[in-house]
């Protein structure tokens, strides 16, 4: 397997762990560093990209209001009323779309759909897909028109 393939798998695992950590943060109201420390000790983090995991979580925490604001025009209810797993997936993906242009928008959307299928409600991934497709059209318009 190529080094790039290993890195992509580690990033996927980092996103899965980040979704779980963000879910815990949303429900507990704990400081993000406490949640990260808990996940470092409890989760199998050596197989994930720990640096990316922490970047995602600190990025969402720091920018949560701006991320929620960017999601608002594309959702049909208040952010707080969205299922916590779907909300976590949307916030993570919004962070990547907005602040991580090194990650192609298709990868961001696909990863968000996959984690929502794995951890969310039966049709939650369809909702996440629809919202993120609209958000990507707004935030990554140039990239979307090229593909």
N, C-alpha and C. Protein backbone atom coordinates (compact mmCIF):
# COMPACT_ATOMS: atom_id res chain seq x y z
N UNK A 1 0.85 -1.19 0.00
CA UNK A 1 0.00 0.00 0.00
C UNK A 1 0.89 1.25 0.00
N UNK A 2 0.49 2.26 -0.73
CA UNK A 2 1.28 3.49 -0.82
C UNK A 2 1.20 4.27 0.48
N UNK A 3 2.19 5.12 0.68
CA UNK A 3 2.19 5.99 1.87
C UNK A 3 0.95 6.87 1.86
N UNK A 4 0.58 7.35 0.66
CA UNK A 4 -0.60 8.21 0.56
C UNK A 4 -1.85 7.44 0.98
N UNK A 5 -1.97 6.18 0.59
CA UNK A 5 -3.11 5.36 0.99
C UNK A 5 -3.20 5.20 2.49
N UNK A 6 -2.07 5.01 3.14
CA UNK A 6 -2.04 4.90 4.59
C UNK A 6 -2.47 6.22 5.22
N UNK A 7 -1.97 7.34 4.69
CA UNK A 7 -2.34 8.64 5.22
C UNK A 7 -3.84 8.90 5.08
N UNK A 8 -4.41 8.51 3.93
CA UNK A 8 -5.84 8.72 3.71
C UNK A 8 -6.66 7.89 4.70
N UNK A 9 -6.24 6.66 4.95
CA UNK A 9 -6.95 5.83 5.93
C UNK A 9 -6.83 6.42 7.33
N UNK A 10 -5.65 6.91 7.66
CA UNK A 10 -5.45 7.52 8.97
C UNK A 10 -6.32 8.78 9.12
N UNK A 11 -6.46 9.54 8.02
CA UNK A 11 -7.33 10.73 8.07
C UNK A 11 -8.79 10.32 8.22
N UNK A 12 -9.20 9.28 7.52
CA UNK A 12 -10.58 8.80 7.67
C UNK A 12 -10.85 8.39 9.11
N UNK A 13 -9.91 7.67 9.70
CA UNK A 13 -10.08 7.28 11.11
C UNK A 13 -10.09 8.51 12.01
N UNK A 14 -9.24 9.49 11.70
CA UNK A 14 -9.23 10.73 12.49
C UNK A 14 -10.59 11.42 12.42
N UNK A 15 -11.20 11.43 11.23
CA UNK A 15 -12.53 12.04 11.10
C UNK A 15 -13.58 11.28 11.90
N UNK A 16 -13.53 9.95 11.87
CA UNK A 16 -14.48 9.15 12.65
C UNK A 16 -14.33 9.45 14.13
N UNK A 17 -13.09 9.47 14.61
CA UNK A 17 -12.85 9.77 16.03
C UNK A 17 -13.27 11.21 16.34
N UNK A 18 -12.99 12.13 15.42
CA UNK A 18 -13.36 13.53 15.64
C UNK A 18 -14.88 13.68 15.73
N UNK A 19 -15.62 12.95 14.90
CA UNK A 19 -17.08 13.00 14.98
C UNK A 19 -17.53 12.54 16.36
N UNK A 20 -16.96 11.46 16.85
CA UNK A 20 -17.35 10.95 18.17
C UNK A 20 -16.96 11.95 19.27
N UNK A 21 -15.80 12.53 19.16
CA UNK A 21 -15.35 13.51 20.16
C UNK A 21 -16.21 14.77 20.11
N UNK A 22 -16.54 15.22 18.90
CA UNK A 22 -17.38 16.41 18.77
C UNK A 22 -18.77 16.15 19.33
N UNK A 23 -19.29 14.96 19.09
CA UNK A 23 -20.58 14.56 19.66
C UNK A 23 -20.51 14.66 21.19
N UNK A 24 -19.45 14.10 21.78
CA UNK A 24 -19.28 14.15 23.23
C UNK A 24 -19.16 15.59 23.72
N UNK A 25 -18.42 16.42 23.00
CA UNK A 25 -18.24 17.83 23.36
C UNK A 25 -19.58 18.57 23.33
N UNK A 26 -20.38 18.33 22.28
CA UNK A 26 -21.67 19.00 22.14
C UNK A 26 -22.59 18.63 23.30
N UNK A 27 -22.58 17.37 23.70
CA UNK A 27 -23.50 16.92 24.75
C UNK A 27 -23.02 17.26 26.15
N UNK A 28 -21.69 17.24 26.35
CA UNK A 28 -21.17 17.43 27.70
C UNK A 28 -20.92 18.89 28.05
N UNK A 29 -20.61 19.70 27.03
CA UNK A 29 -20.24 21.08 27.30
C UNK A 29 -18.85 21.21 27.91
N UNK A 30 -18.09 20.11 27.94
CA UNK A 30 -16.72 20.13 28.47
C UNK A 30 -15.82 20.96 27.56
N UNK A 31 -14.68 21.36 28.09
CA UNK A 31 -13.69 22.05 27.28
C UNK A 31 -13.12 21.05 26.28
N UNK A 32 -12.84 21.50 25.07
CA UNK A 32 -12.38 20.60 24.01
C UNK A 32 -11.10 19.87 24.40
N UNK A 33 -10.18 20.53 25.11
CA UNK A 33 -8.94 19.85 25.50
C UNK A 33 -9.22 18.64 26.40
N UNK A 34 -10.22 18.75 27.25
CA UNK A 34 -10.59 17.62 28.11
C UNK A 34 -11.14 16.47 27.27
N UNK A 35 -11.94 16.79 26.27
CA UNK A 35 -12.50 15.76 25.39
C UNK A 35 -11.36 15.09 24.60
N UNK A 36 -10.44 15.89 24.09
CA UNK A 36 -9.30 15.34 23.33
C UNK A 36 -8.48 14.42 24.22
N UNK A 37 -8.19 14.85 25.45
CA UNK A 37 -7.42 14.01 26.37
C UNK A 37 -8.14 12.70 26.64
N UNK A 38 -9.44 12.76 26.84
CA UNK A 38 -10.23 11.55 27.08
C UNK A 38 -10.12 10.61 25.89
N UNK A 39 -10.23 11.14 24.68
CA UNK A 39 -10.16 10.30 23.49
C UNK A 39 -8.76 9.73 23.28
N UNK A 40 -7.74 10.50 23.64
CA UNK A 40 -6.37 10.00 23.52
C UNK A 40 -6.19 8.75 24.38
N UNK A 41 -6.83 8.74 25.54
CA UNK A 41 -6.66 7.63 26.47
C UNK A 41 -7.60 6.46 26.17
N UNK A 42 -8.79 6.75 25.67
CA UNK A 42 -9.79 5.70 25.51
C UNK A 42 -9.86 5.10 24.11
N UNK A 43 -9.50 5.87 23.12
CA UNK A 43 -9.65 5.41 21.75
C UNK A 43 -8.33 4.87 21.21
N UNK A 44 -8.43 4.13 20.13
CA UNK A 44 -7.26 3.56 19.47
C UNK A 44 -6.68 4.62 18.53
N UNK A 45 -6.06 5.64 19.11
CA UNK A 45 -5.64 6.80 18.33
C UNK A 45 -4.36 6.57 17.54
N UNK A 46 -3.59 5.53 17.85
CA UNK A 46 -2.35 5.34 17.11
C UNK A 46 -2.59 5.00 15.64
N UNK A 47 -3.78 4.57 15.30
CA UNK A 47 -4.08 4.26 13.90
C UNK A 47 -4.71 5.44 13.17
N UNK A 48 -4.94 6.52 13.90
CA UNK A 48 -5.53 7.72 13.30
C UNK A 48 -4.45 8.80 13.18
N UNK A 49 -4.74 9.78 12.36
CA UNK A 49 -3.87 10.94 12.20
C UNK A 49 -4.19 11.89 13.36
N UNK A 50 -3.43 11.77 14.44
CA UNK A 50 -3.72 12.52 15.66
C UNK A 50 -3.66 14.03 15.44
N UNK A 51 -2.70 14.47 14.65
CA UNK A 51 -2.57 15.91 14.37
C UNK A 51 -3.82 16.43 13.65
N UNK A 52 -4.32 15.66 12.69
CA UNK A 52 -5.52 16.07 11.96
C UNK A 52 -6.75 16.03 12.86
N UNK A 53 -6.84 15.00 13.69
CA UNK A 53 -7.91 14.86 14.67
C UNK A 53 -8.00 16.12 15.54
N UNK A 54 -6.86 16.54 16.07
CA UNK A 54 -6.83 17.72 16.93
C UNK A 54 -7.12 19.00 16.15
N UNK A 55 -6.62 19.09 14.92
CA UNK A 55 -6.90 20.27 14.09
C UNK A 55 -8.40 20.40 13.85
N UNK A 56 -9.05 19.29 13.52
CA UNK A 56 -10.50 19.33 13.28
C UNK A 56 -11.25 19.81 14.52
N UNK A 57 -10.91 19.24 15.66
CA UNK A 57 -11.66 19.58 16.88
C UNK A 57 -11.39 21.00 17.34
N UNK A 58 -10.15 21.41 17.35
CA UNK A 58 -9.86 22.80 17.74
C UNK A 58 -10.43 23.78 16.72
N UNK A 59 -10.39 23.39 15.44
CA UNK A 59 -10.94 24.25 14.40
C UNK A 59 -12.44 24.45 14.55
N UNK A 60 -13.16 23.37 14.84
CA UNK A 60 -14.60 23.48 15.05
C UNK A 60 -14.88 24.30 16.30
N UNK A 61 -14.17 24.01 17.38
CA UNK A 61 -14.40 24.74 18.63
C UNK A 61 -14.18 26.24 18.44
N UNK A 62 -13.08 26.60 17.81
CA UNK A 62 -12.72 28.01 17.62
C UNK A 62 -13.70 28.73 16.70
N UNK A 63 -14.21 28.03 15.70
CA UNK A 63 -15.01 28.66 14.65
C UNK A 63 -16.47 28.23 14.67
N UNK A 64 -16.96 27.65 15.76
CA UNK A 64 -18.30 27.06 15.77
C UNK A 64 -19.38 28.06 15.37
N UNK A 65 -19.29 29.30 15.84
CA UNK A 65 -20.33 30.28 15.48
C UNK A 65 -20.31 30.59 13.99
N UNK A 66 -19.13 30.76 13.41
CA UNK A 66 -19.01 31.04 11.98
C UNK A 66 -19.45 29.83 11.15
N UNK A 67 -19.13 28.64 11.62
CA UNK A 67 -19.54 27.42 10.91
C UNK A 67 -21.06 27.29 10.92
N UNK A 68 -21.66 27.49 12.10
CA UNK A 68 -23.13 27.41 12.20
C UNK A 68 -23.77 28.47 11.31
N UNK A 69 -23.19 29.65 11.28
CA UNK A 69 -23.72 30.73 10.43
C UNK A 69 -23.65 30.35 8.96
N UNK A 70 -22.58 29.70 8.54
CA UNK A 70 -22.46 29.30 7.13
C UNK A 70 -23.43 28.16 6.79
N UNK A 71 -23.81 27.37 7.78
CA UNK A 71 -24.76 26.28 7.55
C UNK A 71 -26.21 26.78 7.50
N UNK A 72 -26.52 27.84 8.25
CA UNK A 72 -27.92 28.30 8.41
C UNK A 72 -28.70 28.45 7.11
N UNK A 73 -28.15 29.07 6.06
CA UNK A 73 -28.96 29.23 4.84
C UNK A 73 -29.32 27.91 4.15
N UNK A 74 -28.64 26.83 4.54
CA UNK A 74 -28.82 25.56 3.85
C UNK A 74 -29.56 24.51 4.66
N UNK A 75 -30.02 24.89 5.86
CA UNK A 75 -30.72 23.92 6.71
C UNK A 75 -32.16 24.37 6.94
N UNK A 76 -32.99 23.44 7.33
CA UNK A 76 -34.43 23.68 7.46
C UNK A 76 -34.89 23.86 8.91
N UNK A 77 -33.93 24.01 9.81
CA UNK A 77 -34.25 24.20 11.24
C UNK A 77 -33.05 24.85 11.91
N UNK A 78 -33.20 25.18 13.16
CA UNK A 78 -32.07 25.74 13.91
C UNK A 78 -30.97 24.68 14.04
N UNK A 79 -29.73 25.11 14.07
CA UNK A 79 -28.60 24.20 14.19
C UNK A 79 -28.77 23.32 15.44
N UNK A 80 -29.19 23.90 16.54
CA UNK A 80 -29.35 23.16 17.80
C UNK A 80 -30.40 22.05 17.70
N UNK A 81 -31.32 22.15 16.73
CA UNK A 81 -32.37 21.14 16.58
C UNK A 81 -31.97 19.98 15.68
N UNK A 82 -30.81 20.08 15.05
CA UNK A 82 -30.32 18.98 14.20
C UNK A 82 -29.82 17.87 15.10
N UNK A 83 -30.09 16.64 14.71
CA UNK A 83 -29.60 15.47 15.43
C UNK A 83 -28.12 15.67 15.77
N UNK A 84 -27.69 15.35 17.00
CA UNK A 84 -26.31 15.64 17.41
C UNK A 84 -25.23 15.01 16.52
N UNK A 85 -25.47 13.81 16.01
CA UNK A 85 -24.48 13.19 15.11
C UNK A 85 -24.42 13.96 13.79
N UNK A 86 -25.58 14.26 13.23
CA UNK A 86 -25.62 15.02 11.97
C UNK A 86 -25.02 16.41 12.17
N UNK A 87 -25.31 17.04 13.31
CA UNK A 87 -24.75 18.36 13.60
C UNK A 87 -23.23 18.29 13.67
N UNK A 88 -22.71 17.26 14.32
CA UNK A 88 -21.25 17.10 14.42
C UNK A 88 -20.65 16.88 13.03
N UNK A 89 -21.29 16.05 12.22
CA UNK A 89 -20.78 15.80 10.86
C UNK A 89 -20.82 17.07 10.02
N UNK A 90 -21.89 17.84 10.14
CA UNK A 90 -22.00 19.09 9.38
C UNK A 90 -20.95 20.10 9.81
N UNK A 91 -20.73 20.21 11.10
CA UNK A 91 -19.73 21.16 11.59
C UNK A 91 -18.32 20.75 11.16
N UNK A 92 -18.01 19.46 11.26
CA UNK A 92 -16.69 18.99 10.83
C UNK A 92 -16.48 19.27 9.34
N UNK A 93 -17.46 18.92 8.54
CA UNK A 93 -17.34 19.12 7.10
C UNK A 93 -17.31 20.61 6.75
N UNK A 94 -18.11 21.41 7.43
CA UNK A 94 -18.10 22.85 7.17
C UNK A 94 -16.72 23.42 7.49
N UNK A 95 -16.11 22.94 8.57
CA UNK A 95 -14.76 23.39 8.90
C UNK A 95 -13.79 23.04 7.77
N UNK A 96 -13.86 21.79 7.31
CA UNK A 96 -12.94 21.39 6.23
C UNK A 96 -13.20 22.17 4.95
N UNK A 97 -14.46 22.37 4.60
CA UNK A 97 -14.78 23.13 3.38
C UNK A 97 -14.28 24.57 3.48
N UNK A 98 -14.41 25.15 4.66
CA UNK A 98 -14.09 26.56 4.84
C UNK A 98 -12.60 26.81 5.09
N UNK A 99 -11.96 25.93 5.86
CA UNK A 99 -10.60 26.21 6.33
C UNK A 99 -9.53 25.22 5.87
N UNK A 100 -9.92 24.18 5.17
CA UNK A 100 -8.95 23.19 4.71
C UNK A 100 -9.06 23.00 3.19
N UNK A 101 -8.67 24.02 2.42
CA UNK A 101 -8.77 23.91 0.97
C UNK A 101 -7.86 22.82 0.40
N UNK A 102 -6.93 22.29 1.20
CA UNK A 102 -6.07 21.19 0.77
C UNK A 102 -6.85 19.88 0.64
N UNK A 103 -8.03 19.82 1.21
CA UNK A 103 -8.87 18.61 1.13
C UNK A 103 -9.94 18.86 0.07
N UNK A 104 -9.96 18.06 -1.00
CA UNK A 104 -10.97 18.27 -2.05
C UNK A 104 -12.40 18.20 -1.49
N UNK A 105 -13.27 19.05 -2.02
CA UNK A 105 -14.63 19.11 -1.48
C UNK A 105 -15.34 17.76 -1.59
N UNK A 106 -15.07 17.00 -2.65
CA UNK A 106 -15.71 15.68 -2.81
C UNK A 106 -15.31 14.73 -1.67
N UNK A 107 -14.06 14.81 -1.25
CA UNK A 107 -13.58 13.99 -0.14
C UNK A 107 -14.30 14.40 1.15
N UNK A 108 -14.42 15.71 1.38
CA UNK A 108 -15.09 16.21 2.57
C UNK A 108 -16.52 15.69 2.63
N UNK A 109 -17.25 15.83 1.53
CA UNK A 109 -18.66 15.40 1.50
C UNK A 109 -18.77 13.89 1.67
N UNK A 110 -17.95 13.15 0.94
CA UNK A 110 -18.01 11.69 1.01
C UNK A 110 -17.71 11.19 2.43
N UNK A 111 -16.69 11.75 3.04
CA UNK A 111 -16.33 11.34 4.41
C UNK A 111 -17.46 11.67 5.39
N UNK A 112 -18.08 12.83 5.23
CA UNK A 112 -19.19 13.21 6.11
C UNK A 112 -20.37 12.25 5.94
N UNK A 113 -20.65 11.87 4.71
CA UNK A 113 -21.73 10.91 4.45
C UNK A 113 -21.40 9.56 5.10
N UNK A 114 -20.17 9.11 4.95
CA UNK A 114 -19.78 7.81 5.50
C UNK A 114 -19.86 7.78 7.03
N UNK A 115 -19.38 8.83 7.70
CA UNK A 115 -19.46 8.81 9.17
C UNK A 115 -20.90 8.94 9.65
N UNK A 116 -21.72 9.66 8.89
CA UNK A 116 -23.13 9.78 9.27
C UNK A 116 -23.85 8.45 9.06
N UNK A 117 -23.53 7.74 7.99
CA UNK A 117 -24.12 6.40 7.78
C UNK A 117 -23.73 5.48 8.92
N UNK A 118 -22.49 5.59 9.36
CA UNK A 118 -21.99 4.69 10.39
C UNK A 118 -22.57 4.98 11.77
N UNK A 119 -22.71 6.26 12.12
CA UNK A 119 -23.09 6.62 13.49
C UNK A 119 -24.46 7.28 13.61
N UNK A 120 -25.03 7.76 12.50
CA UNK A 120 -26.24 8.55 12.57
C UNK A 120 -27.52 7.76 12.35
N UNK A 121 -28.60 8.50 12.24
CA UNK A 121 -29.93 7.92 11.99
C UNK A 121 -29.99 7.36 10.57
N UNK A 122 -31.02 6.56 10.30
CA UNK A 122 -31.14 5.86 9.02
C UNK A 122 -30.95 6.74 7.79
N UNK A 123 -31.60 7.87 7.75
CA UNK A 123 -31.52 8.72 6.56
C UNK A 123 -30.76 10.01 6.80
N UNK A 124 -30.05 10.06 7.91
CA UNK A 124 -29.28 11.25 8.24
C UNK A 124 -28.25 11.62 7.19
N UNK A 125 -27.66 10.59 6.56
CA UNK A 125 -26.63 10.87 5.56
C UNK A 125 -27.20 11.62 4.35
N UNK A 126 -28.47 11.39 4.03
CA UNK A 126 -29.09 12.10 2.90
C UNK A 126 -29.22 13.58 3.22
N UNK A 127 -29.61 13.88 4.44
CA UNK A 127 -29.72 15.27 4.89
C UNK A 127 -28.35 15.95 4.85
N UNK A 128 -27.35 15.28 5.42
CA UNK A 128 -25.98 15.81 5.45
C UNK A 128 -25.47 16.05 4.03
N UNK A 129 -25.72 15.12 3.14
CA UNK A 129 -25.29 15.25 1.75
C UNK A 129 -25.91 16.49 1.10
N UNK A 130 -27.21 16.67 1.27
CA UNK A 130 -27.90 17.80 0.67
C UNK A 130 -27.39 19.14 1.18
N UNK A 131 -27.20 19.23 2.49
CA UNK A 131 -26.71 20.48 3.09
C UNK A 131 -25.29 20.77 2.61
N UNK A 132 -24.44 19.76 2.64
CA UNK A 132 -23.03 19.99 2.28
C UNK A 132 -22.85 20.26 0.79
N UNK A 133 -23.69 19.69 -0.03
CA UNK A 133 -23.60 19.97 -1.46
C UNK A 133 -23.86 21.46 -1.72
N UNK A 134 -24.87 22.00 -1.03
CA UNK A 134 -25.18 23.43 -1.17
C UNK A 134 -24.05 24.29 -0.58
N UNK A 135 -23.53 23.89 0.56
CA UNK A 135 -22.45 24.64 1.19
C UNK A 135 -21.19 24.62 0.33
N UNK A 136 -20.89 23.47 -0.27
CA UNK A 136 -19.71 23.38 -1.14
C UNK A 136 -19.88 24.26 -2.37
N UNK A 137 -21.11 24.37 -2.89
CA UNK A 137 -21.35 25.25 -4.03
C UNK A 137 -21.06 26.70 -3.68
N UNK A 138 -21.28 27.03 -2.43
CA UNK A 138 -21.03 28.40 -1.96
C UNK A 138 -19.54 28.61 -1.64
N UNK A 139 -18.95 27.70 -0.85
CA UNK A 139 -17.59 27.89 -0.36
C UNK A 139 -16.50 27.43 -1.35
N UNK A 140 -16.85 26.48 -2.20
CA UNK A 140 -15.87 25.92 -3.13
C UNK A 140 -16.36 26.03 -4.57
N UNK A 141 -17.00 27.14 -4.89
CA UNK A 141 -17.62 27.31 -6.22
C UNK A 141 -16.63 27.07 -7.35
N UNK A 142 -15.42 27.63 -7.24
CA UNK A 142 -14.43 27.49 -8.30
C UNK A 142 -14.04 26.01 -8.46
N UNK A 143 -13.80 25.34 -7.34
CA UNK A 143 -13.43 23.93 -7.37
C UNK A 143 -14.55 23.08 -7.95
N UNK A 144 -15.80 23.38 -7.58
CA UNK A 144 -16.94 22.60 -8.08
C UNK A 144 -17.13 22.78 -9.59
N UNK A 145 -16.91 23.97 -10.11
CA UNK A 145 -17.11 24.18 -11.54
C UNK A 145 -16.03 23.49 -12.37
N UNK A 146 -14.86 23.26 -11.78
CA UNK A 146 -13.78 22.57 -12.48
C UNK A 146 -14.01 21.09 -12.57
N UNK A 147 -14.83 20.52 -11.70
CA UNK A 147 -14.99 19.07 -11.69
C UNK A 147 -16.19 18.60 -12.44
